[in-house]
Amino acid sequence: MMAGARFIVRGRVQGVYYRASTRDHAIALGLVGSARNLEDGSVEVTAVGTGNAIAELERWLWQGPPAARVAEVRREELNAPAAFRDFITG
């Protein structure tokens, strides 16, 4: 069963390879979706796939790449996950 979630990640998460690392990790987990910088300095991550894979991505989002310093990860369930074909960054 496909699930979807939207995450807002706050902290030192821009300019530290966070989006690209998130994409690589999500693809390895078989997820599709997106990661994009927001104007307030946070990163928005949308992920669609199995519930277990999304849970694993959420655990990884708290760590991120080595230079990141994550302060907060907020999760929102998506009732109707968007149709993605792959995982993109923007």
N, C-alpha and C. Protein backbone atom coordinates (compact mmCIF):
# COMPACT_ATOMS: atom_id res chain seq x y z
N MET A 1 0.84 -1.18 0.00
CA MET A 1 0.00 0.00 0.00
C MET A 1 0.89 1.25 0.00
N MET A 2 0.55 2.19 -0.86
CA MET A 2 1.33 3.42 -0.97
C MET A 2 0.89 4.40 0.10
N ALA A 3 1.88 5.05 0.66
CA ALA A 3 1.64 6.08 1.66
C ALA A 3 2.37 7.34 1.21
N GLY A 4 2.06 8.45 1.84
CA GLY A 4 2.73 9.70 1.52
C GLY A 4 2.87 10.57 2.75
N ALA A 5 3.97 11.31 2.79
CA ALA A 5 4.20 12.23 3.90
C ALA A 5 4.95 13.45 3.41
N ARG A 6 4.70 14.56 4.09
CA ARG A 6 5.41 15.81 3.82
C ARG A 6 6.14 16.18 5.10
N PHE A 7 7.42 16.50 4.96
CA PHE A 7 8.25 16.86 6.10
C PHE A 7 8.77 18.28 5.92
N ILE A 8 8.85 19.01 7.01
CA ILE A 8 9.55 20.29 7.04
C ILE A 8 10.73 20.09 7.99
N VAL A 9 11.93 20.29 7.46
CA VAL A 9 13.15 20.07 8.22
C VAL A 9 13.79 21.42 8.48
N ARG A 10 14.03 21.72 9.76
CA ARG A 10 14.62 23.00 10.16
C ARG A 10 15.97 22.78 10.82
N GLY A 11 16.78 23.81 10.73
CA GLY A 11 18.13 23.77 11.29
C GLY A 11 19.11 24.23 10.22
N ARG A 12 20.33 23.74 10.31
CA ARG A 12 21.32 24.05 9.26
C ARG A 12 21.18 22.99 8.18
N VAL A 13 20.26 23.23 7.24
CA VAL A 13 19.93 22.22 6.24
C VAL A 13 20.01 22.75 4.80
N GLN A 14 20.38 24.00 4.64
CA GLN A 14 20.60 24.51 3.28
C GLN A 14 22.09 24.77 3.10
N GLY A 15 22.59 24.46 1.91
CA GLY A 15 24.00 24.68 1.61
C GLY A 15 24.92 23.61 2.19
N VAL A 16 24.34 22.47 2.60
CA VAL A 16 25.14 21.40 3.20
C VAL A 16 24.90 20.06 2.50
N TYR A 17 24.39 20.11 1.25
CA TYR A 17 24.13 18.90 0.46
C TYR A 17 22.94 18.11 1.00
N TYR A 18 22.04 18.79 1.74
CA TYR A 18 20.91 18.10 2.36
C TYR A 18 19.92 17.54 1.32
N ARG A 19 19.52 18.38 0.37
CA ARG A 19 18.53 17.92 -0.62
C ARG A 19 19.05 16.77 -1.47
N ALA A 20 20.28 16.89 -1.96
CA ALA A 20 20.85 15.82 -2.80
C ALA A 20 21.05 14.54 -2.00
N SER A 21 21.48 14.66 -0.76
CA SER A 21 21.64 13.47 0.08
C SER A 21 20.29 12.83 0.38
N THR A 22 19.28 13.67 0.59
CA THR A 22 17.93 13.15 0.82
C THR A 22 17.45 12.40 -0.41
N ARG A 23 17.67 12.98 -1.59
CA ARG A 23 17.28 12.30 -2.84
C ARG A 23 17.96 10.95 -2.94
N ASP A 24 19.27 10.89 -2.71
CA ASP A 24 20.00 9.63 -2.81
C ASP A 24 19.45 8.59 -1.83
N HIS A 25 19.19 9.01 -0.61
CA HIS A 25 18.68 8.09 0.40
C HIS A 25 17.27 7.62 0.05
N ALA A 26 16.43 8.55 -0.40
CA ALA A 26 15.05 8.20 -0.77
C ALA A 26 15.02 7.21 -1.93
N ILE A 27 15.86 7.44 -2.93
CA ILE A 27 15.91 6.53 -4.08
C ILE A 27 16.35 5.14 -3.63
N ALA A 28 17.34 5.08 -2.73
CA ALA A 28 17.81 3.78 -2.22
C ALA A 28 16.69 3.05 -1.47
N LEU A 29 15.75 3.80 -0.89
CA LEU A 29 14.63 3.21 -0.17
C LEU A 29 13.44 2.90 -1.09
N GLY A 30 13.55 3.26 -2.37
CA GLY A 30 12.47 3.01 -3.33
C GLY A 30 11.36 4.04 -3.28
N LEU A 31 11.66 5.22 -2.76
CA LEU A 31 10.67 6.28 -2.65
C LEU A 31 10.72 7.22 -3.86
N VAL A 32 9.62 7.87 -4.13
CA VAL A 32 9.56 8.96 -5.09
C VAL A 32 9.08 10.19 -4.34
N GLY A 33 9.34 11.37 -4.91
CA GLY A 33 8.91 12.59 -4.26
C GLY A 33 9.82 13.75 -4.61
N SER A 34 10.04 14.64 -3.63
CA SER A 34 10.85 15.82 -3.89
C SER A 34 11.45 16.37 -2.60
N ALA A 35 12.50 17.16 -2.78
CA ALA A 35 13.12 17.91 -1.69
C ALA A 35 13.43 19.29 -2.24
N ARG A 36 12.99 20.32 -1.54
CA ARG A 36 13.23 21.68 -2.03
C ARG A 36 13.48 22.63 -0.87
N ASN A 37 14.31 23.62 -1.13
CA ASN A 37 14.59 24.66 -0.16
C ASN A 37 13.40 25.60 -0.07
N LEU A 38 13.11 26.04 1.14
CA LEU A 38 12.07 27.04 1.36
C LEU A 38 12.75 28.36 1.74
N GLU A 39 12.04 29.45 1.52
CA GLU A 39 12.61 30.77 1.74
C GLU A 39 13.04 31.02 3.19
N ASP A 40 12.43 30.33 4.13
CA ASP A 40 12.77 30.55 5.55
C ASP A 40 14.00 29.77 6.01
N GLY A 41 14.68 29.08 5.08
CA GLY A 41 15.88 28.34 5.41
C GLY A 41 15.64 26.87 5.71
N SER A 42 14.39 26.45 5.71
CA SER A 42 14.08 25.04 5.94
C SER A 42 14.04 24.29 4.62
N VAL A 43 13.90 22.96 4.71
CA VAL A 43 13.78 22.11 3.53
C VAL A 43 12.46 21.36 3.62
N GLU A 44 11.70 21.34 2.53
CA GLU A 44 10.47 20.58 2.45
C GLU A 44 10.76 19.29 1.70
N VAL A 45 10.38 18.17 2.29
CA VAL A 45 10.56 16.85 1.66
C VAL A 45 9.20 16.20 1.54
N THR A 46 8.85 15.77 0.34
CA THR A 46 7.63 15.01 0.10
C THR A 46 8.06 13.62 -0.34
N ALA A 47 7.50 12.59 0.29
CA ALA A 47 7.89 11.22 -0.03
C ALA A 47 6.66 10.35 -0.21
N VAL A 48 6.69 9.50 -1.24
CA VAL A 48 5.61 8.57 -1.52
C VAL A 48 6.23 7.19 -1.70
N GLY A 49 5.63 6.21 -1.04
CA GLY A 49 6.12 4.83 -1.12
C GLY A 49 5.51 4.02 0.00
N THR A 50 6.21 2.98 0.43
CA THR A 50 5.69 2.15 1.51
C THR A 50 5.85 2.88 2.84
N GLY A 51 5.00 2.54 3.78
CA GLY A 51 5.07 3.14 5.10
C GLY A 51 6.40 2.90 5.78
N ASN A 52 6.95 1.70 5.62
CA ASN A 52 8.25 1.39 6.24
C ASN A 52 9.36 2.23 5.65
N ALA A 53 9.35 2.42 4.33
CA ALA A 53 10.40 3.22 3.68
C ALA A 53 10.29 4.69 4.11
N ILE A 54 9.08 5.20 4.24
CA ILE A 54 8.90 6.58 4.67
C ILE A 54 9.37 6.74 6.11
N ALA A 55 9.08 5.77 6.96
CA ALA A 55 9.55 5.82 8.35
C ALA A 55 11.08 5.81 8.41
N GLU A 56 11.71 5.02 7.56
CA GLU A 56 13.17 4.99 7.52
C GLU A 56 13.73 6.33 7.04
N LEU A 57 13.09 6.92 6.03
CA LEU A 57 13.53 8.23 5.56
C LEU A 57 13.39 9.26 6.67
N GLU A 58 12.28 9.21 7.41
CA GLU A 58 12.08 10.17 8.51
C GLU A 58 13.21 10.05 9.54
N ARG A 59 13.60 8.84 9.88
CA ARG A 59 14.73 8.66 10.82
C ARG A 59 15.99 9.29 10.25
N TRP A 60 16.23 9.09 8.95
CA TRP A 60 17.42 9.66 8.32
C TRP A 60 17.37 11.19 8.28
N LEU A 61 16.18 11.76 8.07
CA LEU A 61 16.05 13.22 7.99
C LEU A 61 16.54 13.89 9.26
N TRP A 62 16.39 13.23 10.41
CA TRP A 62 16.88 13.80 11.67
C TRP A 62 18.39 13.91 11.70
N GLN A 63 19.08 13.10 10.91
CA GLN A 63 20.54 13.13 10.87
C GLN A 63 21.03 13.94 9.67
N GLY A 64 20.60 13.57 8.47
CA GLY A 64 21.04 14.25 7.26
C GLY A 64 22.51 13.99 6.96
N PRO A 65 23.06 14.73 6.02
CA PRO A 65 24.48 14.58 5.69
C PRO A 65 25.36 15.12 6.81
N PRO A 66 26.66 14.82 6.78
CA PRO A 66 27.55 15.18 7.89
C PRO A 66 27.55 16.66 8.29
N ALA A 67 27.44 17.59 7.35
CA ALA A 67 27.50 19.02 7.68
C ALA A 67 26.18 19.59 8.20
N ALA A 68 25.11 18.83 8.10
CA ALA A 68 23.79 19.32 8.54
C ALA A 68 23.69 19.29 10.06
N ARG A 69 22.88 20.20 10.57
CA ARG A 69 22.54 20.24 11.99
C ARG A 69 21.03 20.40 12.07
N VAL A 70 20.34 19.27 12.20
CA VAL A 70 18.88 19.27 12.18
C VAL A 70 18.33 19.63 13.56
N ALA A 71 17.45 20.61 13.60
CA ALA A 71 16.83 21.05 14.86
C ALA A 71 15.42 20.50 15.01
N GLU A 72 14.72 20.28 13.88
CA GLU A 72 13.32 19.87 13.95
C GLU A 72 12.93 19.19 12.65
N VAL A 73 12.12 18.15 12.76
CA VAL A 73 11.49 17.50 11.60
C VAL A 73 10.00 17.39 11.92
N ARG A 74 9.19 18.10 11.16
CA ARG A 74 7.73 18.02 11.31
C ARG A 74 7.16 17.16 10.20
N ARG A 75 6.24 16.27 10.55
CA ARG A 75 5.65 15.35 9.57
C ARG A 75 4.15 15.60 9.44
N GLU A 76 3.69 15.56 8.20
CA GLU A 76 2.26 15.68 7.89
C GLU A 76 1.92 14.55 6.94
N GLU A 77 0.91 13.76 7.27
CA GLU A 77 0.48 12.67 6.38
C GLU A 77 -0.23 13.25 5.17
N LEU A 78 -0.02 12.64 4.04
CA LEU A 78 -0.72 13.04 2.82
C LEU A 78 -1.82 12.03 2.55
N ASN A 79 -3.06 12.49 2.53
CA ASN A 79 -4.19 11.60 2.27
C ASN A 79 -4.24 11.15 0.82
N ALA A 80 -3.86 12.03 -0.08
CA ALA A 80 -3.84 11.71 -1.50
C ALA A 80 -2.45 12.06 -2.04
N PRO A 81 -1.49 11.11 -1.89
CA PRO A 81 -0.12 11.42 -2.32
C PRO A 81 -0.06 11.84 -3.78
N ALA A 82 0.73 12.85 -4.04
CA ALA A 82 0.91 13.33 -5.40
C ALA A 82 1.56 12.24 -6.25
N ALA A 83 1.33 12.31 -7.53
CA ALA A 83 1.90 11.31 -8.45
C ALA A 83 3.30 11.78 -8.89
N PHE A 84 4.31 11.16 -8.35
CA PHE A 84 5.70 11.42 -8.75
C PHE A 84 6.20 10.21 -9.54
N ARG A 85 7.11 10.45 -10.45
CA ARG A 85 7.71 9.36 -11.21
C ARG A 85 9.08 9.00 -10.66
N ASP A 86 9.75 9.97 -10.01
CA ASP A 86 11.06 9.74 -9.42
C ASP A 86 11.22 10.70 -8.26
N PHE A 87 12.44 10.83 -7.75
CA PHE A 87 12.68 11.75 -6.65
C PHE A 87 13.47 12.93 -7.20
N ILE A 88 12.93 14.14 -7.06
CA ILE A 88 13.55 15.32 -7.65
C ILE A 88 13.92 16.33 -6.57
N THR A 89 14.85 17.20 -6.89
CA THR A 89 15.19 18.32 -6.01
C THR A 89 14.89 19.60 -6.75
N GLY A 90 14.53 20.60 -5.99
CA GLY A 90 14.19 21.87 -6.61
C GLY A 90 14.59 23.02 -5.75
